[in-house]
C-alpha atoms as a PDB file:
ATOM      1  CA  MET A   1      12.844 183.986  85.300  1.00  0.00           C
ATOM      2  CA  LEU A   2      12.928 186.774  82.731  1.00  0.00           C
ATOM      3  CA  LYS A   3      10.651 188.945  84.870  1.00  0.00           C
ATOM      4  CA  SER A   4      13.250 188.913  87.609  1.00  0.00           C
ATOM      5  CA  CYS A   5      16.259 189.711  85.310  1.00  0.00           C
ATOM      6  CA  ASP A   6      17.930 193.208  85.194  1.00  0.00           C
ATOM      7  CA  LEU A   7      17.507 195.590  82.269  1.00  0.00           C
ATOM      8  CA  LEU A   8      20.978 194.675  80.871  1.00  0.00           C
ATOM      9  CA  THR A   9      19.980 190.898  80.682  1.00  0.00           C
ATOM     10  CA  LEU A  10      16.618 191.840  79.166  1.00  0.00           C
ATOM     11  CA  GLU A  11      18.328 193.909  76.541  1.00  0.00           C
ATOM     12  CA  MET A  12      20.637 191.102  75.624  1.00  0.00           C
ATOM     13  CA  PHE A  13      17.731 188.714  75.536  1.00  0.00           C
ATOM     14  CA  ALA A  14      15.733 190.932  73.219  1.00  0.00           C
ATOM     15  CA  LEU A  15      18.683 191.247  70.827  1.00  0.00           C
ATOM     16  CA  HIS A  16      18.947 187.338  70.838  1.00  0.00           C
ATOM     17  CA  VAL A  17      15.219 187.034  69.959  1.00  0.00           C
ATOM     18  CA  LEU A  18      15.312 189.707  67.259  1.00  0.00           C
ATOM     19  CA  ASN A  19      18.387 187.984  65.657  1.00  0.00           C
ATOM     20  CA  PHE A  20      16.443 184.602  65.766  1.00  0.00           C
ATOM     21  CA  ILE A  21      13.121 185.870  64.367  1.00  0.00           C
ATOM     22  CA  ASN A  22      15.012 188.102  61.822  1.00  0.00           C
ATOM     23  CA  PRO A  23      12.394 190.930  61.790  1.00  0.00           C
ATOM     24  CA  ASN A  24      11.967 192.637  58.352  1.00  0.00           C
ATOM     25  CA  PHE A  25      13.945 195.878  58.679  1.00  0.00           C
ATOM     26  CA  GLU A  26      17.403 196.753  57.347  1.00  0.00           C
ATOM     27  CA  ASN A  27      20.375 198.554  59.002  1.00  0.00           C
ATOM     28  CA  PRO A  28      18.818 198.437  62.536  1.00  0.00           C
ATOM     29  CA  ASP A  29      19.364 201.826  64.409  1.00  0.00           C
ATOM     30  CA  PHE A  30      19.011 201.086  68.121  1.00  0.00           C
ATOM     31  CA  GLU A  31      20.103 204.716  68.991  1.00  0.00           C
ATOM     32  CA  ASP A  32      16.805 206.101  67.558  1.00  0.00           C
ATOM     33  CA  PRO A  33      14.081 205.175  69.965  1.00  0.00           C
ATOM     34  CA  GLN A  34      11.477 205.454  67.210  1.00  0.00           C
ATOM     35  CA  SER A  35      13.213 203.237  64.672  1.00  0.00           C
ATOM     36  CA  ASP A  36      11.765 199.855  63.822  1.00  0.00           C
ATOM     37  CA  ALA A  37      14.691 198.082  65.536  1.00  0.00           C
ATOM     38  CA  SER A  38      14.153 199.993  68.879  1.00  0.00           C
ATOM     39  CA  LEU A  39      10.494 199.632  68.785  1.00  0.00           C
ATOM     40  CA  ASN A  40      10.810 195.834  68.200  1.00  0.00           C
ATOM     41  CA  LYS A  41      13.392 195.501  70.788  1.00  0.00           C
ATOM     42  CA  GLN A  42      11.092 197.251  73.346  1.00  0.00           C
ATOM     43  CA  LYS A  43       8.260 194.891  72.438  1.00  0.00           C
ATOM     44  CA  VAL A  44      10.511 191.967  73.344  1.00  0.00           C
ATOM     45  CA  ILE A  45      11.744 193.633  76.652  1.00  0.00           C
ATOM     46  CA  ASP A  46       8.008 194.466  77.659  1.00  0.00           C
ATOM     47  CA  PHE A  47       7.121 190.856  77.100  1.00  0.00           C
ATOM     48  CA  ALA A  48      10.267 189.595  78.977  1.00  0.00           C
ATOM     49  CA  LYS A  49       9.274 191.819  82.069  1.00  0.00           C
ATOM     50  CA  LYS A  50       6.246 189.646  82.596  1.00  0.00           C
ATOM     51  CA  SER A  51       7.596 186.230  81.450  1.00  0.00           C
ATOM     52  CA  ARG A  52       7.685 183.233  83.636  1.00  0.00           C
ATOM     53  CA  LEU A  53      10.509 181.591  81.510  1.00  0.00           C
ATOM     54  CA  THR A  54      14.089 181.937  81.785  1.00  0.00           C
ATOM     55  CA  PRO A  55      16.117 183.462  78.893  1.00  0.00           C
ATOM     56  CA  GLN A  56      17.403 180.018  77.863  1.00  0.00           C
ATOM     57  CA  GLU A  57      13.939 178.347  78.164  1.00  0.00           C
ATOM     58  CA  PHE A  58      12.428 180.965  75.700  1.00  0.00           C
ATOM     59  CA  MET A  59      15.344 180.442  73.270  1.00  0.00           C
ATOM     60  CA  ASN A  60      14.711 176.705  73.547  1.00  0.00           C
ATOM     61  CA  ALA A  61      11.062 177.493  72.811  1.00  0.00           C
ATOM     62  CA  LEU A  62      11.912 179.407  69.646  1.00  0.00           C
ATOM     63  CA  ASP A  63      14.054 176.375  68.559  1.00  0.00           C
ATOM     64  CA  LEU A  64      11.098 173.995  68.989  1.00  0.00           C
ATOM     65  CA  VAL A  65       8.537 175.969  67.032  1.00  0.00           C
ATOM     66  CA  PRO A  66       9.956 175.199  63.451  1.00  0.00           C
ATOM     67  CA  ARG A  67       9.916 171.458  64.553  1.00  0.00           C
ATOM     68  CA  ASP A  68       6.248 171.640  65.175  1.00  0.00           C
ATOM     69  CA  GLU A  69       6.869 170.593  68.864  1.00  0.00           C
ATOM     70  CA  LEU A  70       5.088 173.415  70.318  1.00  0.00           C
ATOM     71  CA  THR A  71       1.175 173.658  69.806  1.00  0.00           C
ATOM     72  CA  THR A  72      -1.567 175.991  70.501  1.00  0.00           C
ATOM     73  CA  ILE A  73      -5.112 174.983  71.511  1.00  0.00           C
ATOM     74  CA  GLU A  74      -7.919 175.859  69.233  1.00  0.00           C
ATOM     75  CA  GLN A  75     -11.687 174.981  69.018  1.00  0.00           C
ATOM     76  CA  ARG A  76     -13.588 173.202  66.373  1.00  0.00           C
ATOM     77  CA  PRO A  77     -17.108 174.561  65.376  1.00  0.00           C
ATOM     78  CA  ASN A  78     -18.559 171.817  67.654  1.00  0.00           C
ATOM     79  CA  GLY A  79     -16.661 173.317  70.653  1.00  0.00           C
ATOM     80  CA  GLU A  80     -14.083 170.425  70.751  1.00  0.00           C
ATOM     81  CA  ASP A  81     -10.602 171.486  71.567  1.00  0.00           C
ATOM     82  CA  PHE A  82      -7.638 170.369  69.316  1.00  0.00           C
ATOM     83  CA  GLU A  83      -3.987 171.069  69.192  1.00  0.00           C
ATOM     84  CA  LYS A  84      -2.378 172.832  66.222  1.00  0.00           C
ATOM     85  CA  PRO A  85       1.308 173.401  65.643  1.00  0.00           C
ATOM     86  CA  LEU A  86       2.334 176.867  66.501  1.00  0.00           C
ATOM     87  CA  LYS A  87       3.561 179.179  63.826  1.00  0.00           C
ATOM     88  CA  LEU A  88       6.436 181.658  64.401  1.00  0.00           C
ATOM     89  CA  PHE A  89       5.741 185.117  62.892  1.00  0.00           C
ATOM     90  CA  SER A  90       8.330 186.680  60.739  1.00  0.00           C
ATOM     91  CA  ARG A  91       8.072 189.838  62.679  1.00  0.00           C
ATOM     92  CA  ILE A  92       7.965 190.748  66.436  1.00  0.00           C
ATOM     93  CA  ASP A  93       4.449 190.320  67.652  1.00  0.00           C
ATOM     94  CA  SER A  94       3.588 190.550  71.365  1.00  0.00           C
ATOM     95  CA  LYS A  95       0.642 188.072  71.095  1.00  0.00           C
ATOM     96  CA  ASN A  96       2.888 185.546  69.290  1.00  0.00           C
ATOM     97  CA  LEU A  97       5.567 185.732  71.913  1.00  0.00           C
ATOM     98  CA  ILE A  98       2.855 185.048  74.684  1.00  0.00           C
ATOM     99  CA  GLU A  99       1.649 182.144  72.554  1.00  0.00           C
ATOM    100  CA  ILE A 100       5.194 180.687  72.468  1.00  0.00           C
ATOM    101  CA  GLU A 101       5.619 181.092  76.167  1.00  0.00           C
ATOM    102  CA  THR A 102       2.308 179.370  76.973  1.00  0.00           C
ATOM    103  CA  ALA A 103       3.029 176.550  74.470  1.00  0.00           C
ATOM    104  CA  TYR A 104       6.368 175.989  76.040  1.00  0.00           C
ATOM    105  CA  ILE A 105       4.983 176.006  79.614  1.00  0.00           C
ATOM    106  CA  ARG A 106       2.425 173.203  78.404  1.00  0.00           C
ATOM    107  CA  TYR A 107       5.164 171.375  76.562  1.00  0.00           C
ATOM    108  CA  ARG A 108       7.431 171.405  79.749  1.00  0.00           C
ATOM    109  CA  SER A 109       4.600 170.222  81.874  1.00  0.00           C
ATOM    110  CA  ASN A 110       3.763 167.375  79.594  1.00  0.00           C
ATOM    111  CA  ASN A 111       7.319 166.497  79.348  1.00  0.00           C
ATOM    112  CA  LYS A 112       7.727 166.222  83.116  1.00  0.00           C
ATOM    113  CA  LEU A 113       4.624 163.980  83.297  1.00  0.00           C
ATOM    114  CA  TYR A 114       6.183 161.788  80.535  1.00  0.00           C
ATOM    115  CA  GLU A 115       9.406 161.565  82.479  1.00  0.00           C
ATOM    116  CA  LYS A 116       7.643 160.906  85.710  1.00  0.00           C
ATOM    117  CA  GLY A 117       5.715 158.057  84.014  1.00  0.00           C
ATOM    118  CA  LYS A 118       8.822 156.575  82.680  1.00  0.00           C
ATOM    119  CA  GLU A 119      10.313 156.619  86.236  1.00  0.00           C
ATOM    120  CA  GLU A 120       7.262 155.057  87.733  1.00  0.00           C
ATOM    121  CA  LEU A 121       7.272 152.318  85.096  1.00  0.00           C
ATOM    122  CA  LYS A 122      10.989 151.753  85.646  1.00  0.00           C
ATOM    123  CA  ALA A 123      10.473 151.548  89.343  1.00  0.00           C
ATOM    124  CA  PHE A 124       7.724 149.031  88.763  1.00  0.00           C
ATOM    125  CA  LEU A 125       9.657 146.771  86.343  1.00  0.00           C
ATOM    126  CA  MET A 126      13.049 147.197  88.262  1.00  0.00           C
ATOM    127  CA  PRO A 127      12.241 147.631  91.979  1.00  0.00           C
ATOM    128  CA  PRO A 128      15.274 148.617  93.999  1.00  0.00           C
ATOM    129  CA  ALA A 129      17.161 145.715  95.518  1.00  0.00           C
ATOM    130  CA  GLN A 130      16.333 145.197  99.195  1.00  0.00           C
ATOM    131  CA  GLU A 131      19.232 145.816 101.584  1.00  0.00           C
ATOM    132  CA  LEU A 132      20.792 142.623 102.857  1.00  0.00           C
ATOM    133  CA  THR A 133      20.770 141.817 106.518  1.00  0.00           C
ATOM    134  CA  GLU A 134      23.996 141.251 108.198  1.00  0.00           C
ATOM    135  CA  ALA A 135      23.413 137.564 108.405  1.00  0.00           C
ATOM    136  CA  GLN A 136      22.740 137.460 104.476  1.00  0.00           C
ATOM    137  CA  LYS A 137      25.986 139.462 103.884  1.00  0.00           C
ATOM    138  CA  GLU A 138      27.906 137.054 106.054  1.00  0.00           C
ATOM    139  CA  ALA A 139      26.374 134.097 104.222  1.00  0.00           C
ATOM    140  CA  GLN A 140      27.307 135.730 100.903  1.00  0.00           C
ATOM    141  CA  ASN A 141      30.751 136.478 101.991  1.00  0.00           C
ATOM    142  CA  LEU A 142      31.350 132.891 103.194  1.00  0.00           C
ATOM    143  CA  LYS A 143      29.896 131.447  99.918  1.00  0.00           C
ATOM    144  CA  PHE A 144      32.269 133.715  97.940  1.00  0.00           C
ATOM    145  CA  LEU A 145      35.307 132.616 100.006  1.00  0.00           C
ATOM    146  CA  LYS A 146      34.486 129.083  99.670  1.00  0.00           C
ATOM    147  CA  GLU A 147      34.070 129.179  95.968  1.00  0.00           C
ATOM    148  CA  GLU A 148      37.194 131.012  95.446  1.00  0.00           C
ATOM    149  CA  TYR A 149      39.210 128.561  97.649  1.00  0.00           C
ATOM    150  CA  GLN A 150      37.809 125.698  95.518  1.00  0.00           C
ATOM    151  CA  ARG A 151      38.902 127.526  92.314  1.00  0.00           C
ATOM    152  CA  LEU A 152      42.214 128.170  93.666  1.00  0.00           C
ATOM    153  CA  GLN A 153      42.934 124.589  94.569  1.00  0.00           C
ATOM    154  CA  LEU A 154      41.469 123.208  91.245  1.00  0.00           C
ATOM    155  CA  ARG A 155      42.600 125.812  88.745  1.00  0.00           C
ATOM    156  CA  GLY A 156      45.331 127.552  90.425  1.00  0.00           C
ATOM    157  CA  PHE A 157      43.804 131.169  90.359  1.00  0.00           C
ATOM    158  CA  VAL A 158      40.875 133.292  91.650  1.00  0.00           C
ATOM    159  CA  LEU A 159      38.368 135.235  89.992  1.00  0.00           C
ATOM    160  CA  GLY A 160      37.632 137.873  92.761  1.00  0.00           C
ATOM    161  CA  SER A 161      40.904 139.664  92.422  1.00  0.00           C
ATOM    162  CA  THR A 162      39.278 142.946  92.754  1.00  0.00           C
ATOM    163  CA  VAL A 163      37.463 141.978  95.979  1.00  0.00           C
ATOM    164  CA  PHE A 164      40.654 140.739  97.513  1.00  0.00           C
ATOM    165  CA  TYR A 165      42.703 143.650  96.334  1.00  0.00           C
ATOM    166  CA  ASP A 166      40.242 146.220  97.887  1.00  0.00           C
ATOM    167  CA  LEU A 167      40.642 144.230 101.269  1.00  0.00           C
ATOM    168  CA  ILE A 168      44.395 144.401 101.455  1.00  0.00           C
ATOM    169  CA  ARG A 169      44.803 147.651  99.682  1.00  0.00           C
ATOM    170  CA  SER A 170      44.619 149.751 102.920  1.00  0.00           C
ATOM    171  CA  ASN A 171      47.386 147.678 104.506  1.00  0.00           C
ATOM    172  CA  TYR A 172      49.867 148.541 101.882  1.00  0.00           C
ATOM    173  CA  LYS A 173      50.812 152.215 102.314  1.00  0.00           C
ATOM    174  CA  VAL A 174      54.107 151.657 100.463  1.00  0.00           C
ATOM    175  CA  ILE A 175      54.412 149.510  97.236  1.00  0.00           C
ATOM    176  CA  ASN A 176      57.594 148.212  95.510  1.00  0.00           C
ATOM    177  CA  LEU A 177      58.295 150.402  92.619  1.00  0.00           C
ATOM    178  CA  ALA A 178      60.252 147.742  90.767  1.00  0.00           C
ATOM    179  CA  PHE A 179      57.166 145.523  90.784  1.00  0.00           C
ATOM    180  CA  VAL A 180      55.113 148.244  89.359  1.00  0.00           C
ATOM    181  CA  GLU A 181      57.782 149.066  86.625  1.00  0.00           C
ATOM    182  CA  LYS A 182      58.086 145.378  85.701  1.00  0.00           C
ATOM    183  CA  PHE A 183      54.249 145.130  85.405  1.00  0.00           C
ATOM    184  CA  MET A 184      54.119 148.099  83.135  1.00  0.00           C
ATOM    185  CA  LEU A 185      56.967 146.925  80.931  1.00  0.00           C
ATOM    186  CA  ASN A 186      55.234 143.406  80.541  1.00  0.00           C
ATOM    187  CA  PHE A 187      51.611 144.645  80.325  1.00  0.00           C
ATOM    188  CA  LYS A 188      49.979 144.082  76.846  1.00  0.00           C
ATOM    189  CA  PRO A 189      46.798 145.860  76.186  1.00  0.00           C
ATOM    190  CA  GLU A 190      45.812 143.379  73.517  1.00  0.00           C
ATOM    191  CA  VAL A 191      46.585 139.673  73.656  1.00  0.00           C
ATOM    192  CA  PHE A 192      45.478 136.718  71.376  1.00  0.00           C
ATOM    193  CA  GLU A 193      43.560 134.018  72.985  1.00  0.00           C
ATOM    194  CA  ASP A 194      45.165 130.583  72.241  1.00  0.00           C
ATOM    195  CA  ASP A 195      43.446 128.208  69.904  1.00  0.00           C
ATOM    196  CA  LYS A 196      42.671 125.662  72.651  1.00  0.00           C
ATOM    197  CA  ARG A 197      40.717 128.162  74.810  1.00  0.00           C
ATOM    198  CA  SER A 198      39.091 129.674  71.701  1.00  0.00           C
ATOM    199  CA  VAL A 199      37.661 126.315  70.671  1.00  0.00           C
ATOM    200  CA  GLU A 200      36.820 125.348  74.261  1.00  0.00           C
ATOM    201  CA  PHE A 201      35.167 128.464  75.323  1.00  0.00           C
ATOM    202  CA  HIS A 202      34.086 130.198  72.111  1.00  0.00           C
ATOM    203  CA  LEU A 203      33.562 127.418  69.706  1.00  0.00           C
ATOM    204  CA  ALA A 204      35.755 129.191  67.122  1.00  0.00           C
ATOM    205  CA  SER A 205      38.834 128.056  65.335  1.00  0.00           C
ATOM    206  CA  SER A 206      40.260 131.345  64.966  1.00  0.00           C
ATOM    207  CA  LYS A 207      42.273 133.274  67.602  1.00  0.00           C
ATOM    208  CA  LYS A 208      40.323 136.070  69.357  1.00  0.00           C
ATOM    209  CA  VAL A 209      41.857 139.408  70.339  1.00  0.00           C
ATOM    210  CA  ILE A 210      41.227 140.187  74.073  1.00  0.00           C
ATOM    211  CA  LYS A 211      41.534 143.851  75.203  1.00  0.00           C
ATOM    212  CA  LYS A 212      42.897 144.145  78.762  1.00  0.00           C
ATOM    213  CA  ASP A 213      42.184 146.746  81.254  1.00  0.00           C
ATOM    214  CA  VAL A 214      45.327 147.781  82.865  1.00  0.00           C
ATOM    215  CA  LEU A 215      44.141 148.457  86.401  1.00  0.00           C
ATOM    216  CA  LEU A 216      42.362 145.193  86.422  1.00  0.00           C
ATOM    217  CA  ALA A 217      45.492 143.306  85.108  1.00  0.00           C
ATOM    218  CA  PHE A 218      47.408 144.950  87.797  1.00  0.00           C
ATOM    219  CA  LYS A 219      45.035 143.939  90.509  1.00  0.00           C
ATOM    220  CA  GLU A 220      45.082 140.313  89.258  1.00  0.00           C
ATOM    221  CA  LEU A 221      48.837 140.030  89.179  1.00  0.00           C
ATOM    222  CA  PHE A 222      49.069 141.756  92.542  1.00  0.00           C
ATOM    223  CA  ILE A 223      46.610 139.213  94.146  1.00  0.00           C
ATOM    224  CA  GLU A 224      48.468 136.363  92.342  1.00  0.00           C
ATOM    225  CA  LYS A 225      51.776 137.291  94.005  1.00  0.00           C
ATOM    226  CA  TYR A 226      50.137 137.983  97.288  1.00  0.00           C
ATOM    227  CA  ILE A 227      48.719 134.501  97.425  1.00  0.00           C
ATOM    228  CA  GLU A 228      51.928 132.995  96.199  1.00  0.00           C
ATOM    229  CA  LYS A 229      54.012 134.872  98.898  1.00  0.00           C
ATOM    230  CA  ALA A 230      51.753 134.059 101.686  1.00  0.00           C
ATOM    231  CA  GLN A 231      51.346 130.515 100.513  1.00  0.00           C
ATOM    232  CA  LEU A 232      47.507 130.676 100.717  1.00  0.00           C
ATOM    233  CA  LYS A 233      47.070 127.839  98.436  1.00  0.00           C
ATOM    234  CA  ASN A 234      48.515 125.481 101.234  1.00  0.00           C
ATOM    235  CA  LEU A 235      45.876 126.458 103.767  1.00  0.00           C
ATOM    236  CA  SER A 236      42.833 124.556 104.578  1.00  0.00           C
ATOM    237  CA  GLU A 237      39.402 125.910 103.666  1.00  0.00           C
ATOM    238  CA  SER A 238      38.806 127.050 107.185  1.00  0.00           C
ATOM    239  CA  GLU A 239      42.236 128.679 107.461  1.00  0.00           C
ATOM    240  CA  TRP A 240      41.683 130.360 104.132  1.00  0.00           C
ATOM    241  CA  ILE A 241      38.415 131.874 105.376  1.00  0.00           C
ATOM    242  CA  GLU A 242      39.848 132.964 108.628  1.00  0.00           C
ATOM    243  CA  HIS A 243      42.745 134.617 106.881  1.00  0.00           C
ATOM    244  CA  TRP A 244      40.459 136.865 104.771  1.00  0.00           C
ATOM    245  CA  ARG A 245      38.289 137.650 107.769  1.00  0.00           C
ATOM    246  CA  ASN A 246      41.390 138.791 109.675  1.00  0.00           C
ATOM    247  CA  VAL A 247      42.398 140.980 106.656  1.00  0.00           C
ATOM    248  CA  LYS A 248      38.932 142.504 106.476  1.00  0.00           C
ATOM    249  CA  LYS A 249      39.049 143.382 110.285  1.00  0.00           C
ATOM    250  CA  GLU A 250      42.428 144.984 109.828  1.00  0.00           C
ATOM    251  CA  SER A 251      41.190 147.128 106.980  1.00  0.00           C
ATOM    252  CA  GLU A 252      38.121 148.407 108.741  1.00  0.00           C
END
């Protein structure tokens, strides 16, 4: 807070405020303690010594005033309170500085309530997912492995390359650089989808440009070669499941 700052910080803050408000005096003489510049600077310092805002918060407040985002509370003749946009004086005025501080504190409080309300609404509409039990996790993993096995048998590839890659990654401390170099030389960041797939999957006759992620492409190729080398496609479903369970145990 400003009231806890040292004198040098307060003087720098006062100069920033003077520069923002642009008081009506020319050729400011801060060497003369009785000059308009010095007296105005001292007003800001005196205010700052009691202020509950940080230097940056007050400068933010000054920036909000011209946008009519800070308001002051006034009363109508019938005693009813109403909010009125705060005005920034073209001169340094102690009362105006206090009004800006008060208005900003109210603005900050209302903004926190608004953010809190948004978070509460978000929590209501999107409650956090419940943690799965070990039995549920096991059932989920088993379902995943069975689906991937069927896909490998029917279509010759898997979709969960990133999952399989993460399982075997810790077992590969050293990797064949020639494999990496060959991959990088052949990698194409953009490819054209063939007409057949374009019609079948996208109902379009024109070719579609597909942008490829280099890391994902590497993982897919790595798993493809891993499955090929280990001849995993020749395994039965139960052997396939047992293989990946053993890999998981080795990586833990």
